[in-house]
């Protein structure tokens, strides 16, 4: 199993419309990628950093679980243009993507 994490760094002065992201964007992610192997999708909203008073390094992190890297890449190949094209509708933050293997 793998997790594709789509991370939106906390950047001062940048916008992020969480309501649109949850109700529109993530609904579309699940509709398009669910039939292509998306097992689970979680959205984490950053609250704080590791030290008192420190802001969270990321505003939002989406964790998308697939069986394999290839399954994720196939989903991105099929619908990535539409989904990544939607990003300006909810944020002006450039997302970072990391694919990780679940080892525990």
N, C-alpha and C. Protein backbone atom coordinates (compact mmCIF):
# COMPACT_ATOMS: atom_id res chain seq x y z
N UNK A 1 0.85 -1.19 0.00
CA UNK A 1 0.00 0.00 0.00
C UNK A 1 0.88 1.24 0.00
N UNK A 2 0.39 2.25 -0.68
CA UNK A 2 1.11 3.52 -0.72
C UNK A 2 0.16 4.66 -0.34
N UNK A 3 0.76 5.74 0.09
CA UNK A 3 0.04 6.99 0.33
C UNK A 3 0.64 8.04 -0.58
N UNK A 4 -0.18 8.66 -1.38
CA UNK A 4 0.23 9.83 -2.14
C UNK A 4 -0.23 11.03 -1.31
N UNK A 5 0.73 11.77 -0.78
CA UNK A 5 0.42 12.94 0.04
C UNK A 5 0.52 14.18 -0.84
N UNK A 6 -0.57 14.94 -0.88
CA UNK A 6 -0.59 16.21 -1.60
C UNK A 6 -0.61 17.29 -0.52
N UNK A 7 0.50 18.03 -0.43
CA UNK A 7 0.71 18.93 0.70
C UNK A 7 0.73 20.38 0.23
N UNK A 8 0.02 21.21 0.97
CA UNK A 8 -0.07 22.63 0.67
C UNK A 8 0.64 23.39 1.77
N UNK A 9 1.88 23.86 1.50
CA UNK A 9 2.65 24.55 2.55
C UNK A 9 1.93 25.79 3.08
N UNK A 10 2.17 26.05 4.35
CA UNK A 10 1.64 27.27 4.97
C UNK A 10 2.51 28.43 4.50
N UNK A 11 1.94 29.29 3.67
CA UNK A 11 2.66 30.44 3.14
C UNK A 11 1.88 31.70 3.48
N UNK A 12 2.54 32.61 4.17
CA UNK A 12 1.90 33.86 4.59
C UNK A 12 1.32 34.60 3.38
N UNK A 13 0.07 35.06 3.53
CA UNK A 13 -0.56 35.84 2.49
C UNK A 13 -1.22 35.02 1.38
N UNK A 14 -1.07 33.70 1.42
CA UNK A 14 -1.68 32.85 0.40
C UNK A 14 -3.07 32.43 0.86
N UNK A 15 -3.95 32.14 -0.09
CA UNK A 15 -5.32 31.76 0.26
C UNK A 15 -5.53 30.25 0.10
N UNK A 16 -6.48 29.74 0.87
CA UNK A 16 -6.89 28.34 0.74
C UNK A 16 -8.36 28.26 1.15
N UNK A 17 -9.23 27.93 0.21
CA UNK A 17 -10.67 27.83 0.45
C UNK A 17 -10.98 26.39 0.84
N UNK A 18 -10.97 26.13 2.14
CA UNK A 18 -11.16 24.76 2.63
C UNK A 18 -12.55 24.22 2.29
N UNK A 19 -13.56 25.06 2.33
CA UNK A 19 -14.92 24.61 2.02
C UNK A 19 -15.00 24.11 0.57
N UNK A 20 -14.48 24.88 -0.36
CA UNK A 20 -14.46 24.44 -1.76
C UNK A 20 -13.66 23.16 -1.90
N UNK A 21 -12.51 23.13 -1.27
CA UNK A 21 -11.62 21.96 -1.36
C UNK A 21 -12.33 20.69 -0.92
N UNK A 22 -13.01 20.75 0.23
CA UNK A 22 -13.68 19.57 0.76
C UNK A 22 -14.93 19.20 -0.03
N UNK A 23 -15.76 20.18 -0.34
CA UNK A 23 -17.06 19.89 -0.97
C UNK A 23 -16.98 19.70 -2.48
N UNK A 24 -16.07 20.37 -3.14
CA UNK A 24 -15.98 20.28 -4.60
C UNK A 24 -14.80 19.41 -5.05
N UNK A 25 -13.61 19.85 -4.67
CA UNK A 25 -12.40 19.20 -5.18
C UNK A 25 -12.27 17.75 -4.71
N UNK A 26 -12.35 17.53 -3.42
CA UNK A 26 -12.16 16.16 -2.91
C UNK A 26 -13.31 15.24 -3.32
N UNK A 27 -14.50 15.78 -3.47
CA UNK A 27 -15.61 14.98 -3.98
C UNK A 27 -15.29 14.50 -5.38
N UNK A 28 -14.72 15.39 -6.19
CA UNK A 28 -14.35 15.02 -7.57
C UNK A 28 -13.20 14.02 -7.57
N UNK A 29 -12.23 14.19 -6.69
CA UNK A 29 -11.13 13.22 -6.57
C UNK A 29 -11.70 11.82 -6.31
N UNK A 30 -12.61 11.72 -5.36
CA UNK A 30 -13.20 10.42 -5.02
C UNK A 30 -14.02 9.86 -6.17
N UNK A 31 -14.77 10.70 -6.87
CA UNK A 31 -15.57 10.25 -8.01
C UNK A 31 -14.70 9.69 -9.14
N UNK A 32 -13.61 10.41 -9.45
CA UNK A 32 -12.77 10.01 -10.58
C UNK A 32 -11.79 8.90 -10.22
N UNK A 33 -11.19 8.98 -9.06
CA UNK A 33 -10.13 8.03 -8.70
C UNK A 33 -10.63 6.82 -7.91
N UNK A 34 -11.83 6.91 -7.34
CA UNK A 34 -12.39 5.77 -6.62
C UNK A 34 -12.43 4.52 -7.49
N UNK A 35 -13.00 4.62 -8.70
CA UNK A 35 -13.04 3.45 -9.57
C UNK A 35 -11.66 3.03 -10.10
N UNK A 36 -10.65 3.88 -9.89
CA UNK A 36 -9.31 3.58 -10.40
C UNK A 36 -8.37 3.09 -9.30
N UNK A 37 -8.92 2.75 -8.14
CA UNK A 37 -8.10 2.15 -7.10
C UNK A 37 -7.87 2.99 -5.87
N UNK A 38 -8.47 4.18 -5.79
CA UNK A 38 -8.34 4.98 -4.57
C UNK A 38 -9.04 4.23 -3.44
N UNK A 39 -8.29 3.83 -2.45
CA UNK A 39 -8.84 3.05 -1.33
C UNK A 39 -9.42 3.95 -0.24
N UNK A 40 -8.72 5.04 0.04
CA UNK A 40 -9.14 5.94 1.11
C UNK A 40 -8.54 7.31 0.85
N UNK A 41 -9.28 8.33 1.22
CA UNK A 41 -8.79 9.70 1.13
C UNK A 41 -9.03 10.38 2.47
N UNK A 42 -7.98 11.00 2.99
CA UNK A 42 -8.08 11.75 4.24
C UNK A 42 -7.55 13.15 3.99
N UNK A 43 -8.15 14.12 4.66
CA UNK A 43 -7.67 15.49 4.57
C UNK A 43 -7.32 15.95 5.99
N UNK A 44 -6.09 16.41 6.14
CA UNK A 44 -5.60 16.90 7.42
C UNK A 44 -5.41 18.40 7.33
N UNK A 45 -5.97 19.14 8.28
CA UNK A 45 -5.79 20.59 8.32
C UNK A 45 -4.77 20.89 9.40
N UNK A 46 -3.70 21.58 9.03
CA UNK A 46 -2.65 21.90 9.99
C UNK A 46 -3.12 22.86 11.06
N UNK A 47 -2.77 22.56 12.30
CA UNK A 47 -3.15 23.42 13.42
C UNK A 47 -1.96 24.15 14.04
N UNK A 48 -0.82 23.46 14.16
CA UNK A 48 0.34 24.05 14.82
C UNK A 48 1.59 23.28 14.43
N UNK A 49 2.72 23.92 14.67
CA UNK A 49 4.00 23.25 14.48
C UNK A 49 4.41 22.51 15.75
N UNK A 50 5.62 22.05 15.80
CA UNK A 50 6.08 21.24 16.93
C UNK A 50 6.40 22.02 18.19
N UNK A 51 6.57 23.33 18.07
CA UNK A 51 6.87 24.18 19.21
C UNK A 51 5.70 25.10 19.52
N UNK A 52 5.50 25.47 20.78
CA UNK A 52 4.41 26.38 21.13
C UNK A 52 4.48 27.67 20.30
N UNK A 53 3.34 28.07 19.76
CA UNK A 53 3.25 29.29 18.98
C UNK A 53 3.74 29.18 17.55
N UNK A 54 4.28 28.04 17.19
CA UNK A 54 4.80 27.85 15.83
C UNK A 54 3.64 27.45 14.91
N UNK A 55 3.53 28.07 13.72
CA UNK A 55 2.46 27.67 12.80
C UNK A 55 2.74 26.30 12.19
N UNK A 56 1.70 25.66 11.75
CA UNK A 56 1.83 24.37 11.06
C UNK A 56 2.63 24.57 9.78
N UNK A 57 3.53 23.66 9.44
CA UNK A 57 4.27 23.80 8.19
C UNK A 57 3.39 23.68 6.95
N UNK A 58 2.26 22.97 7.08
CA UNK A 58 1.35 22.77 5.95
C UNK A 58 -0.06 23.20 6.35
N UNK A 59 -0.73 23.92 5.45
CA UNK A 59 -2.12 24.31 5.69
C UNK A 59 -3.01 23.09 5.64
N UNK A 60 -2.80 22.27 4.59
CA UNK A 60 -3.62 21.08 4.36
C UNK A 60 -2.73 20.00 3.77
N UNK A 61 -3.00 18.76 4.17
CA UNK A 61 -2.36 17.60 3.56
C UNK A 61 -3.46 16.61 3.22
N UNK A 62 -3.52 16.20 1.96
CA UNK A 62 -4.44 15.13 1.55
C UNK A 62 -3.63 13.85 1.47
N UNK A 63 -4.15 12.79 2.07
CA UNK A 63 -3.51 11.48 2.02
C UNK A 63 -4.40 10.56 1.20
N UNK A 64 -3.88 10.14 0.06
CA UNK A 64 -4.63 9.31 -0.88
C UNK A 64 -4.00 7.92 -0.91
N UNK A 65 -4.76 6.93 -0.51
CA UNK A 65 -4.23 5.57 -0.40
C UNK A 65 -4.58 4.74 -1.63
N UNK A 66 -3.57 4.16 -2.22
CA UNK A 66 -3.69 3.25 -3.37
C UNK A 66 -2.90 1.99 -3.08
N UNK A 67 -3.16 0.93 -3.83
CA UNK A 67 -2.41 -0.31 -3.65
C UNK A 67 -0.96 -0.18 -4.10
N UNK A 68 -0.74 0.54 -5.21
CA UNK A 68 0.60 0.63 -5.79
C UNK A 68 0.86 2.03 -6.33
N UNK A 69 2.14 2.33 -6.53
CA UNK A 69 2.53 3.58 -7.18
C UNK A 69 1.94 3.62 -8.59
N UNK A 70 1.96 2.50 -9.27
CA UNK A 70 1.45 2.42 -10.64
C UNK A 70 -0.04 2.75 -10.70
N UNK A 71 -0.81 2.29 -9.71
CA UNK A 71 -2.24 2.60 -9.69
C UNK A 71 -2.46 4.10 -9.53
N UNK A 72 -1.68 4.73 -8.66
CA UNK A 72 -1.78 6.18 -8.48
C UNK A 72 -1.40 6.90 -9.77
N UNK A 73 -0.31 6.48 -10.38
CA UNK A 73 0.15 7.12 -11.61
C UNK A 73 -0.85 6.96 -12.75
N UNK A 74 -1.52 5.81 -12.80
CA UNK A 74 -2.54 5.59 -13.82
C UNK A 74 -3.73 6.54 -13.59
N UNK A 75 -4.12 6.72 -12.33
CA UNK A 75 -5.21 7.64 -12.01
C UNK A 75 -4.83 9.07 -12.38
N UNK A 76 -3.60 9.46 -12.07
CA UNK A 76 -3.14 10.81 -12.42
C UNK A 76 -3.10 10.96 -13.94
N UNK A 77 -2.65 9.95 -14.63
CA UNK A 77 -2.61 10.01 -16.09
C UNK A 77 -3.98 10.19 -16.70
N UNK A 78 -4.98 9.56 -16.09
CA UNK A 78 -6.34 9.62 -16.63
C UNK A 78 -7.04 10.93 -16.29
N UNK A 79 -6.83 11.44 -15.07
CA UNK A 79 -7.63 12.58 -14.61
C UNK A 79 -6.82 13.68 -13.94
N UNK A 80 -5.51 13.57 -13.97
CA UNK A 80 -4.68 14.57 -13.31
C UNK A 80 -4.84 15.97 -13.87
N UNK A 81 -4.98 16.07 -15.18
CA UNK A 81 -5.12 17.38 -15.80
C UNK A 81 -6.34 18.12 -15.25
N UNK A 82 -7.47 17.42 -15.15
CA UNK A 82 -8.68 18.04 -14.61
C UNK A 82 -8.50 18.41 -13.15
N UNK A 83 -7.97 17.48 -12.35
CA UNK A 83 -7.88 17.72 -10.91
C UNK A 83 -6.84 18.77 -10.58
N UNK A 84 -5.66 18.69 -11.18
CA UNK A 84 -4.65 19.70 -10.90
C UNK A 84 -5.04 21.05 -11.53
N UNK A 85 -5.84 21.01 -12.58
CA UNK A 85 -6.35 22.24 -13.16
C UNK A 85 -7.35 22.96 -12.27
N UNK A 86 -7.92 22.23 -11.31
CA UNK A 86 -8.89 22.80 -10.37
C UNK A 86 -8.20 23.55 -9.23
N UNK A 87 -6.93 23.33 -9.03
CA UNK A 87 -6.21 23.91 -7.89
C UNK A 87 -6.41 25.43 -7.78
N UNK A 88 -6.30 26.21 -8.85
CA UNK A 88 -6.50 27.67 -8.72
C UNK A 88 -7.88 28.07 -8.21
N UNK A 89 -8.85 27.17 -8.27
CA UNK A 89 -10.19 27.49 -7.76
C UNK A 89 -10.23 27.52 -6.23
N UNK A 90 -9.26 26.91 -5.55
CA UNK A 90 -9.29 26.92 -4.09
C UNK A 90 -8.02 27.44 -3.44
N UNK A 91 -6.92 27.57 -4.19
CA UNK A 91 -5.70 28.08 -3.56
C UNK A 91 -4.74 28.66 -4.59
N UNK A 92 -3.85 29.51 -4.09
CA UNK A 92 -2.74 30.00 -4.91
C UNK A 92 -1.42 29.43 -4.39
N UNK A 93 -1.51 28.38 -3.60
CA UNK A 93 -0.35 27.66 -3.08
C UNK A 93 -0.01 26.54 -4.06
N UNK A 94 1.26 26.39 -4.39
CA UNK A 94 1.69 25.29 -5.25
C UNK A 94 1.80 24.02 -4.40
N UNK A 95 1.02 22.98 -4.72
CA UNK A 95 1.08 21.76 -3.91
C UNK A 95 2.37 20.99 -4.14
N UNK A 96 2.79 20.29 -3.09
CA UNK A 96 3.91 19.37 -3.16
C UNK A 96 3.33 17.96 -3.06
N UNK A 97 3.90 17.02 -3.82
CA UNK A 97 3.40 15.65 -3.81
C UNK A 97 4.54 14.72 -3.40
N UNK A 98 4.22 13.80 -2.48
CA UNK A 98 5.17 12.77 -2.09
C UNK A 98 4.43 11.45 -2.06
N UNK A 99 5.04 10.43 -2.64
CA UNK A 99 4.49 9.08 -2.59
C UNK A 99 5.32 8.28 -1.60
N UNK A 100 4.65 7.64 -0.66
CA UNK A 100 5.33 6.88 0.39
C UNK A 100 4.72 5.49 0.49
N UNK A 101 5.54 4.54 0.87
CA UNK A 101 5.06 3.18 1.12
C UNK A 101 4.67 3.08 2.60
N UNK A 102 3.54 2.44 2.86
CA UNK A 102 3.12 2.19 4.24
C UNK A 102 3.94 0.99 4.74
N UNK A 103 4.75 1.22 5.76
CA UNK A 103 5.61 0.14 6.25
C UNK A 103 5.22 -0.32 7.66
N UNK A 104 4.33 0.38 8.31
CA UNK A 104 3.87 -0.03 9.64
C UNK A 104 2.43 0.38 9.81
